Amino acid sequence: MTGFFRKFLRDNASRLQAADTPQIFLAAFGKHAGWDDHLPDRGLGLDTETLLVAKALFYVEGIGGQISTGAWKALDSGMRNPFDHWLLWLRSDQFILGRMWDSVDGHGRTEYPMVVCAHCIGCTLPWALSTVMPKLEEIRNVCVATQAENEVRTVLEHSRQNLRRQLSELAEESIPSTFPQPNRELLLNCPALDSDREGLLRVLHKVQESMGAYAPGNRLVDPPTSTLPGPRSGRAPEPGLRPEFLRVPACGHSAADSLLLWSDFLFHHVDRSAPVLFLLPNARKWLDIVVGKPTSPVFFCLRASLKVLPLESEITHEMTAPFRASALQFLENYRSASDTTADASSRTLRPASILLVLLLLLASAAVYLRFASKQEIPAFLRYPAQLLGNPDIH
């Protein structure tokens, strides 16, 4: 799968629907009783390059690879979870929100799941979690209850039109470009992370130790050189990027809470340009996080229980005193910070802010040229100063 970092979750909205506005594309893949084998690519909404790449990486190579190796079959039944997940694949201002469940094809084969997902461009995550998420669950319920191909196609089409109508009806000011701040107390005081925050410190330690290549300021590109240093990092280019995996307690009161909390937390340590996949087992107590381009072995987590893959917060880490002090200070700052999208050192100015700065600079330059003495003004700027009416230049 070439060009992953260059193309994935970077689709051009104006090319897709001739409009540079928030857009949503609803699709399905996997297996269903209405088809004898895997659902086809055509006719079921795989209309963006990102959705095609997602199916290839997540379903064909990821789930298919684990099935072909027999990794899940080797697990005892008590250690093997069903396909029953929410997924969020997030990068900058685009993401995929999806629902996956156990399914069966027309021949009764049960190895593969069915997935329905929405590729959202220019939408906010909170809007999608409150609007798209319930719609995905409705689609699942219809698909589970029917064996008819036409009913699956119908519910997908009706849901697609419904979501697009809701999105188009939103006033522009109702779709802010930044995420509202989630209730961070749910994470900071999560019982599964220990009352003294030891569990959260372990998670932070894992993130800082293993995800440095994805830290804010690093620019991600495809092989042969997979990461270039940021302007202030001073790091040498590395030969390649590997996916990084993390299993954490869900912490939120709902699936939407968990996805919003952990995405907010993680993007203080990972650059917004890094693709991050969140896999949340429905009605379970943990969340799996994959940073970077996932490979097939990473998806072993989908069916592996806590007996097989424990929470990072329960794994003992050797943490130095300076790290503990720094991490605890971060948590205090995190509690009160208003920015929820990235570390302050990696923020970028919005276009409107940049324009305002330029206008202020131009105004200052004009005032200088209008009133400075001839001796203070460089020769090449004296003609503009004369045009501005400087009385000392004739």
Protein backbone atom coordinates (compact mmCIF):
# COMPACT_ATOMS: atom_id res chain seq x y z
CA MET A 1 0.00 0.00 0.00
CA THR A 2 2.11 2.89 -1.33
CA GLY A 3 1.59 6.56 -0.58
CA PHE A 4 -0.20 5.96 2.72
CA PHE A 5 1.02 9.07 4.56
CA ARG A 6 0.65 11.19 1.44
CA LYS A 7 -2.90 10.13 0.54
CA PHE A 8 -4.76 8.57 3.45
CA LEU A 9 -7.37 10.86 5.04
CA ARG A 10 -6.22 13.67 2.78
CA ASP A 11 -8.91 13.53 0.10
CA ASN A 12 -9.66 16.80 -1.68
CA ALA A 13 -13.26 17.73 -0.82
CA SER A 14 -13.72 20.04 -3.81
CA ARG A 15 -12.71 17.28 -6.23
CA LEU A 16 -15.08 14.78 -4.68
CA GLN A 17 -18.27 16.82 -4.85
CA ALA A 18 -17.23 20.08 -6.51
CA ALA A 19 -17.66 21.96 -3.24
CA ASP A 20 -15.13 22.93 -0.60
CA THR A 21 -17.58 22.27 2.25
CA PRO A 22 -17.93 19.61 4.96
CA GLN A 23 -18.80 16.27 3.38
CA ILE A 24 -19.67 12.74 4.41
CA PHE A 25 -19.37 9.45 2.52
CA LEU A 26 -21.11 6.36 3.91
CA ALA A 27 -19.90 2.90 2.91
CA ALA A 28 -20.04 -0.78 3.83
CA PHE A 29 -17.69 -3.72 3.35
CA GLY A 30 -17.20 -7.18 4.79
CA LYS A 31 -19.68 -10.04 4.69
CA HIS A 32 -23.47 -10.26 4.87
CA ALA A 33 -25.99 -13.02 4.29
CA GLY A 34 -27.34 -11.19 1.24
CA TRP A 35 -24.12 -11.90 -0.67
CA ASP A 36 -22.40 -15.25 -1.28
CA ASP A 37 -18.97 -13.79 -0.50
CA HIS A 38 -17.36 -10.45 0.38
CA LEU A 39 -19.38 -7.32 -0.37
CA PRO A 40 -18.35 -5.72 -3.68
CA ASP A 41 -16.42 -2.46 -3.90
CA ARG A 42 -18.90 -0.90 -6.29
CA GLY A 43 -22.36 0.23 -5.32
CA LEU A 44 -21.87 0.25 -1.55
CA GLY A 45 -20.32 3.68 -1.08
CA LEU A 46 -16.57 3.14 -1.36
CA ASP A 47 -16.35 6.43 -3.22
CA THR A 48 -13.18 7.97 -1.79
CA GLU A 49 -9.59 6.86 -2.01
CA THR A 50 -9.40 6.88 1.78
CA LEU A 51 -12.28 4.40 2.10
CA LEU A 52 -10.65 2.05 -0.40
CA VAL A 53 -7.34 2.24 1.48
CA ALA A 54 -9.13 1.70 4.80
CA LYS A 55 -10.82 -1.44 3.49
CA ALA A 56 -7.53 -2.77 2.14
CA LEU A 57 -5.54 -2.15 5.33
CA PHE A 58 -8.20 -2.89 7.93
CA TYR A 59 -10.22 -5.66 6.30
CA VAL A 60 -8.24 -7.36 3.53
CA GLU A 61 -4.71 -7.20 4.97
CA GLY A 62 -5.52 -6.75 8.65
CA ILE A 63 -8.45 -9.03 9.45
CA GLY A 64 -7.79 -11.26 6.45
CA GLY A 65 -4.15 -11.64 7.47
CA GLN A 66 -5.06 -12.68 11.01
CA ILE A 67 -7.61 -15.19 9.73
CA SER A 68 -5.14 -16.73 7.29
CA THR A 69 -2.47 -17.17 9.98
CA GLY A 70 -4.92 -18.77 12.41
CA ALA A 71 -3.80 -16.41 15.18
CA TRP A 72 -7.30 -15.96 16.57
CA LYS A 73 -8.23 -19.63 16.32
CA ALA A 74 -5.25 -20.43 18.53
CA LEU A 75 -6.83 -18.46 21.39
CA ASP A 76 -9.01 -20.23 23.94
CA SER A 77 -12.66 -19.25 23.62
CA GLY A 78 -12.48 -17.30 26.89
CA MET A 79 -9.64 -15.21 25.51
CA ARG A 80 -11.19 -14.53 22.09
CA ASN A 81 -13.58 -11.59 21.72
CA PRO A 82 -16.29 -11.26 19.08
CA PHE A 83 -16.24 -8.67 16.32
CA ASP A 84 -18.27 -5.95 18.03
CA HIS A 85 -16.41 -2.66 17.78
CA TRP A 86 -16.53 1.05 17.17
CA LEU A 87 -13.63 2.40 15.14
CA LEU A 88 -12.32 5.92 14.65
CA TRP A 89 -9.50 6.64 12.21
CA LEU A 90 -8.49 10.25 12.73
CA ARG A 91 -6.08 12.62 11.01
CA SER A 92 -6.18 16.42 10.93
CA ASP A 93 -9.64 17.50 9.71
CA GLN A 94 -10.68 14.14 8.24
CA PHE A 95 -11.69 10.91 9.93
CA ILE A 96 -13.51 7.62 9.49
CA LEU A 97 -16.11 6.64 12.07
CA GLY A 98 -17.28 3.05 11.84
CA ARG A 99 -19.18 0.14 13.36
CA MET A 100 -18.15 -3.51 13.03
CA TRP A 101 -19.96 -6.69 14.10
CA ASP A 102 -19.96 -10.47 13.70
CA SER A 103 -21.57 -11.47 10.42
CA VAL A 104 -22.11 -14.35 8.01
CA ASP A 105 -22.17 -14.70 4.22
CA GLY A 106 -24.71 -16.44 2.05
CA HIS A 107 -22.95 -19.78 2.52
CA GLY A 108 -23.01 -19.56 6.31
CA ARG A 109 -19.32 -18.74 6.77
CA THR A 110 -18.65 -16.70 9.90
CA GLU A 111 -14.95 -15.83 9.88
CA TYR A 112 -15.32 -12.26 8.62
CA PRO A 113 -17.29 -9.33 10.08
CA MET A 114 -19.34 -6.62 8.43
CA VAL A 115 -18.28 -2.98 8.67
CA VAL A 116 -20.23 0.18 7.97
CA CYS A 117 -18.35 3.47 8.17
CA ALA A 118 -18.51 7.16 7.34
CA HIS A 119 -15.63 9.15 5.88
CA CYS A 120 -16.08 12.68 7.24
CA ILE A 121 -14.27 15.65 5.69
CA GLY A 122 -14.31 19.03 7.43
CA CYS A 123 -16.77 17.84 10.10
CA THR A 124 -16.09 18.09 13.80
CA LEU A 125 -15.66 14.92 15.78
CA PRO A 126 -18.27 15.87 18.42
CA TRP A 127 -20.88 16.37 15.70
CA ALA A 128 -20.09 12.98 14.20
CA LEU A 129 -20.16 11.25 17.58
CA SER A 130 -23.58 12.70 18.35
CA THR A 131 -25.11 12.38 14.88
CA VAL A 132 -23.28 9.79 12.78
CA MET A 133 -22.67 7.28 15.56
CA PRO A 134 -26.38 6.60 16.28
CA LYS A 135 -27.03 6.29 12.54
CA LEU A 136 -24.32 3.65 12.21
CA GLU A 137 -25.96 1.66 15.00
CA GLU A 138 -29.31 1.91 13.22
CA ILE A 139 -27.72 0.55 10.04
CA ARG A 140 -26.18 -2.30 11.99
CA ASN A 141 -29.54 -3.25 13.48
CA VAL A 142 -31.18 -3.36 10.05
CA CYS A 143 -28.32 -5.41 8.55
CA VAL A 144 -28.39 -7.91 11.41
CA ALA A 145 -32.15 -8.34 11.09
CA THR A 146 -32.25 -8.97 7.33
CA GLN A 147 -30.76 -11.42 4.85
CA ALA A 148 -31.86 -9.38 1.84
CA GLU A 149 -29.28 -7.56 -0.27
CA ASN A 150 -31.77 -4.89 -1.37
CA GLU A 151 -32.61 -3.97 2.25
CA VAL A 152 -28.95 -3.42 3.00
CA ARG A 153 -28.54 -1.21 -0.04
CA THR A 154 -31.70 0.71 0.84
CA VAL A 155 -30.75 1.46 4.44
CA LEU A 156 -27.30 2.59 3.31
CA GLU A 157 -28.71 4.95 0.69
CA HIS A 158 -31.40 6.40 2.96
CA SER A 159 -28.89 6.88 5.78
CA ARG A 160 -26.40 8.51 3.43
CA GLN A 161 -28.99 11.01 2.22
CA ASN A 162 -30.16 11.68 5.78
CA LEU A 163 -26.66 12.41 7.08
CA ARG A 164 -25.82 14.64 4.13
CA ARG A 165 -29.03 16.57 4.61
CA GLN A 166 -28.27 17.12 8.29
CA LEU A 167 -24.77 18.25 7.44
CA SER A 168 -25.96 20.69 4.75
CA GLU A 169 -28.59 22.17 7.08
CA LEU A 170 -25.99 23.17 9.65
CA ALA A 171 -25.10 26.83 9.50
CA GLU A 172 -21.43 27.48 8.85
CA GLU A 173 -20.93 28.89 12.32
CA SER A 174 -22.34 25.66 13.78
CA ILE A 175 -19.33 23.72 12.52
CA PRO A 176 -16.39 25.16 14.44
CA SER A 177 -12.88 24.38 13.26
CA THR A 178 -11.72 23.34 16.72
CA PHE A 179 -12.96 20.61 19.00
CA PRO A 180 -14.89 21.57 22.13
CA GLN A 181 -13.08 20.59 25.27
CA PRO A 182 -14.16 17.16 26.55
CA ASN A 183 -14.68 16.44 30.22
CA ARG A 184 -11.06 15.70 31.06
CA GLU A 185 -11.92 14.85 34.64
CA LEU A 186 -13.32 11.54 33.35
CA LEU A 187 -9.82 10.63 32.23
CA LEU A 188 -7.80 12.20 35.01
CA ASN A 189 -9.97 10.60 37.70
CA CYS A 190 -10.66 7.33 35.92
CA PRO A 191 -10.66 4.52 38.55
CA ALA A 192 -8.97 2.16 36.10
CA LEU A 193 -5.96 4.51 36.01
CA ASP A 194 -5.51 4.46 39.82
CA SER A 195 -6.32 7.19 42.32
CA ASP A 196 -2.68 8.35 42.41
CA ARG A 197 -2.57 8.47 38.57
CA GLU A 198 0.11 5.80 38.45
CA GLY A 199 -1.73 4.10 35.59
CA LEU A 200 -1.89 7.32 33.58
CA LEU A 201 1.82 7.91 34.19
CA ARG A 202 2.52 4.46 32.72
CA VAL A 203 0.47 5.34 29.65
CA LEU A 204 2.35 8.63 29.28
CA HIS A 205 5.66 6.85 29.64
CA LYS A 206 4.73 4.39 26.88
CA VAL A 207 3.63 7.21 24.59
CA GLN A 208 6.81 9.21 25.08
CA GLU A 209 9.09 6.17 24.83
CA SER A 210 7.60 4.60 21.71
CA MET A 211 5.86 7.35 19.74
CA GLY A 212 8.60 9.95 19.46
CA ALA A 213 8.71 9.62 15.66
CA TYR A 214 5.10 10.84 15.57
CA ALA A 215 5.62 13.72 18.01
CA PRO A 216 4.35 17.23 17.19
CA GLY A 217 6.63 18.90 14.66
CA ASN A 218 7.62 15.73 12.81
CA ARG A 219 6.52 15.52 9.19
CA LEU A 220 5.45 12.05 8.06
CA VAL A 221 6.28 10.87 4.57
CA ASP A 222 6.32 7.50 2.87
CA PRO A 223 9.34 5.19 2.45
CA PRO A 224 12.22 5.07 1.74
CA THR A 225 12.45 7.92 4.28
CA SER A 226 9.40 7.77 6.53
CA THR A 227 9.95 10.71 8.81
CA LEU A 228 11.69 14.04 8.52
CA PRO A 229 12.70 16.12 11.52
CA GLY A 230 10.62 19.08 12.57
CA PRO A 231 12.15 22.55 12.40
CA ARG A 232 13.25 22.49 16.04
CA SER A 233 13.74 18.80 16.71
CA GLY A 234 17.33 18.45 15.54
CA ARG A 235 16.62 14.76 14.85
CA ALA A 236 18.20 12.86 11.99
CA PRO A 237 15.82 11.26 9.47
CA GLU A 238 14.89 7.69 10.33
CA PRO A 239 14.78 4.83 7.80
CA GLY A 240 11.14 3.99 8.41
CA LEU A 241 8.12 4.24 10.67
CA ARG A 242 6.50 1.32 12.37
CA PRO A 243 2.99 1.34 13.79
CA GLU A 244 2.77 1.84 17.55
CA PHE A 245 0.13 0.09 19.67
CA LEU A 246 -1.38 1.01 23.01
CA ARG A 247 -4.23 -0.54 25.04
CA VAL A 248 -5.82 1.75 27.62
CA PRO A 249 -8.92 1.78 29.87
CA ALA A 250 -11.97 3.20 28.08
CA CYS A 251 -12.71 5.63 30.96
CA GLY A 252 -15.69 7.40 29.37
CA HIS A 253 -19.34 6.94 30.31
CA SER A 254 -20.08 6.00 26.70
CA ALA A 255 -18.28 4.97 23.53
CA ALA A 256 -18.45 8.58 22.31
CA ASP A 257 -16.92 9.82 25.59
CA SER A 258 -14.03 7.38 25.34
CA LEU A 259 -13.20 8.23 21.73
CA LEU A 260 -13.31 11.98 22.38
CA LEU A 261 -11.30 11.79 25.62
CA TRP A 262 -8.46 9.66 24.31
CA SER A 263 -8.18 11.42 20.95
CA ASP A 264 -7.93 14.73 22.80
CA PHE A 265 -5.29 13.35 25.16
CA LEU A 266 -3.20 11.61 22.53
CA PHE A 267 -2.95 14.57 20.17
CA HIS A 268 -1.08 16.51 22.85
CA HIS A 269 1.77 14.05 22.21
CA VAL A 270 1.24 13.00 18.59
CA ASP A 271 1.21 15.33 15.62
CA ARG A 272 -2.22 16.03 14.15
CA SER A 273 -0.90 14.87 10.77
CA ALA A 274 -0.34 11.34 12.12
CA PRO A 275 -3.12 8.85 11.29
CA VAL A 276 -4.41 7.34 14.55
CA LEU A 277 -6.81 4.40 14.70
CA PHE A 278 -8.97 3.92 17.79
CA LEU A 279 -10.64 0.51 18.21
CA LEU A 280 -13.26 0.34 20.95
CA PRO A 281 -14.95 -2.99 21.75
CA ASN A 282 -18.65 -2.30 22.31
CA ALA A 283 -19.63 -2.60 25.99
CA ARG A 284 -16.04 -3.42 26.94
CA LYS A 285 -13.70 -1.62 29.28
CA TRP A 286 -10.72 -0.89 27.08
CA LEU A 287 -9.65 0.99 23.96
CA ASP A 288 -6.93 -0.03 21.50
CA ILE A 289 -4.92 2.72 19.80
CA VAL A 290 -2.72 2.33 16.71
CA VAL A 291 -0.54 5.23 15.56
CA GLY A 292 0.84 5.20 12.02
CA LYS A 293 0.24 2.76 9.19
CA PRO A 294 -1.09 -0.49 10.71
CA THR A 295 0.20 -3.88 9.63
CA SER A 296 -1.68 -7.16 9.88
CA PRO A 297 -0.20 -8.28 13.25
CA VAL A 298 -1.48 -5.09 14.90
CA PHE A 299 -5.06 -6.23 14.30
CA PHE A 300 -4.58 -9.26 16.53
CA CYS A 301 -5.87 -6.91 19.26
CA LEU A 302 -9.38 -6.96 17.77
CA ARG A 303 -10.18 -10.38 19.22
CA ALA A 304 -7.62 -10.58 22.03
CA SER A 305 -9.02 -10.18 25.54
CA LEU A 306 -7.30 -8.53 28.48
CA LYS A 307 -5.95 -11.94 29.44
CA VAL A 308 -3.90 -11.86 26.25
CA LEU A 309 -3.12 -8.15 25.88
CA PRO A 310 -3.24 -6.31 29.23
CA LEU A 311 -3.82 -2.62 29.72
CA GLU A 312 -0.72 -0.45 29.44
CA SER A 313 -1.74 1.12 32.75
CA GLU A 314 -1.24 -2.24 34.47
CA ILE A 315 2.24 -2.89 33.09
CA THR A 316 5.10 -1.85 35.40
CA HIS A 317 7.40 0.81 33.93
CA GLU A 318 10.81 1.99 35.09
CA MET A 319 10.15 5.73 35.41
CA THR A 320 12.79 8.22 36.49
CA ALA A 321 12.12 10.99 38.99
CA PRO A 322 12.52 13.73 36.32
CA PHE A 323 9.99 11.96 34.09
CA ARG A 324 7.49 11.66 36.95
CA ALA A 325 7.83 15.33 37.79
CA SER A 326 7.44 16.36 34.15
CA ALA A 327 4.48 14.02 33.60
CA LEU A 328 2.64 15.19 36.71
CA GLN A 329 3.16 18.80 35.66
CA PHE A 330 1.74 17.99 32.22
CA LEU A 331 -1.35 16.44 33.81
CA GLU A 332 -1.92 19.56 35.90
CA ASN A 333 -1.57 21.74 32.80
CA TYR A 334 -3.77 19.37 30.84
CA ARG A 335 -6.54 19.71 33.38
CA SER A 336 -6.72 23.47 32.95
CA ALA A 337 -5.62 23.92 29.32
CA SER A 338 -8.17 25.31 26.90
CA ASP A 339 -6.44 23.97 23.80
CA THR A 340 -7.58 20.40 23.07
CA THR A 341 -5.95 19.71 19.76
CA ALA A 342 -2.17 19.81 20.18
CA ASP A 343 0.76 20.92 22.26
CA ALA A 344 1.16 24.69 22.25
CA SER A 345 4.58 24.44 20.65
CA SER A 346 3.09 22.79 17.58
CA ARG A 347 0.03 24.98 17.01
CA THR A 348 -0.38 26.72 13.66
CA LEU A 349 -2.12 30.03 13.11
CA ARG A 350 -5.42 29.95 11.28
CA PRO A 351 -5.58 31.78 7.92
CA ALA A 352 -7.61 34.64 9.43
CA SER A 353 -4.99 35.14 12.15
CA ILE A 354 -2.20 35.16 9.57
CA LEU A 355 -4.05 37.76 7.52
CA LEU A 356 -4.53 39.95 10.58
CA VAL A 357 -0.81 39.78 11.40
CA LEU A 358 0.10 40.71 7.82
CA LEU A 359 -2.27 43.66 7.86
CA LEU A 360 -0.78 44.92 11.13
CA LEU A 361 2.74 44.61 9.71
CA LEU A 362 1.75 46.52 6.57
CA ALA A 363 0.10 49.23 8.64
CA SER A 364 3.20 49.59 10.79
CA ALA A 365 5.40 49.78 7.71
CA ALA A 366 3.18 52.47 6.21
CA VAL A 367 3.32 54.57 9.37
CA TYR A 368 7.11 54.23 9.45
CA LEU A 369 7.50 55.29 5.81
CA ARG A 370 5.09 58.19 6.26
CA PHE A 371 6.81 59.82 9.24
CA ALA A 372 10.46 58.64 9.35
CA SER A 373 13.21 61.02 8.29
CA LYS A 374 14.90 60.65 4.91
CA GLN A 375 18.13 59.46 6.55
CA GLU A 376 16.31 56.64 8.39
CA ILE A 377 14.68 55.24 5.26
CA PRO A 378 16.69 52.93 2.95
CA ALA A 379 17.10 54.29 -0.56
CA PHE A 380 14.95 51.58 -2.20
CA LEU A 381 11.99 52.50 0.07
CA ARG A 382 12.09 56.27 -0.43
CA TYR A 383 9.81 56.25 -3.48
CA PRO A 384 7.03 54.34 -1.60
CA ALA A 385 7.56 56.79 1.28
CA GLN A 386 7.11 59.69 -1.12
CA LEU A 387 3.86 58.15 -2.41
CA LEU A 388 2.64 57.92 1.18
CA GLY A 389 3.21 61.66 1.58
CA ASN A 390 6.39 61.75 3.65
CA PRO A 391 7.19 65.50 3.84
CA ASP A 392 10.95 64.89 4.18
CA ILE A 393 11.25 63.21 0.77
CA HIS A 394 10.84 65.27 -2.39
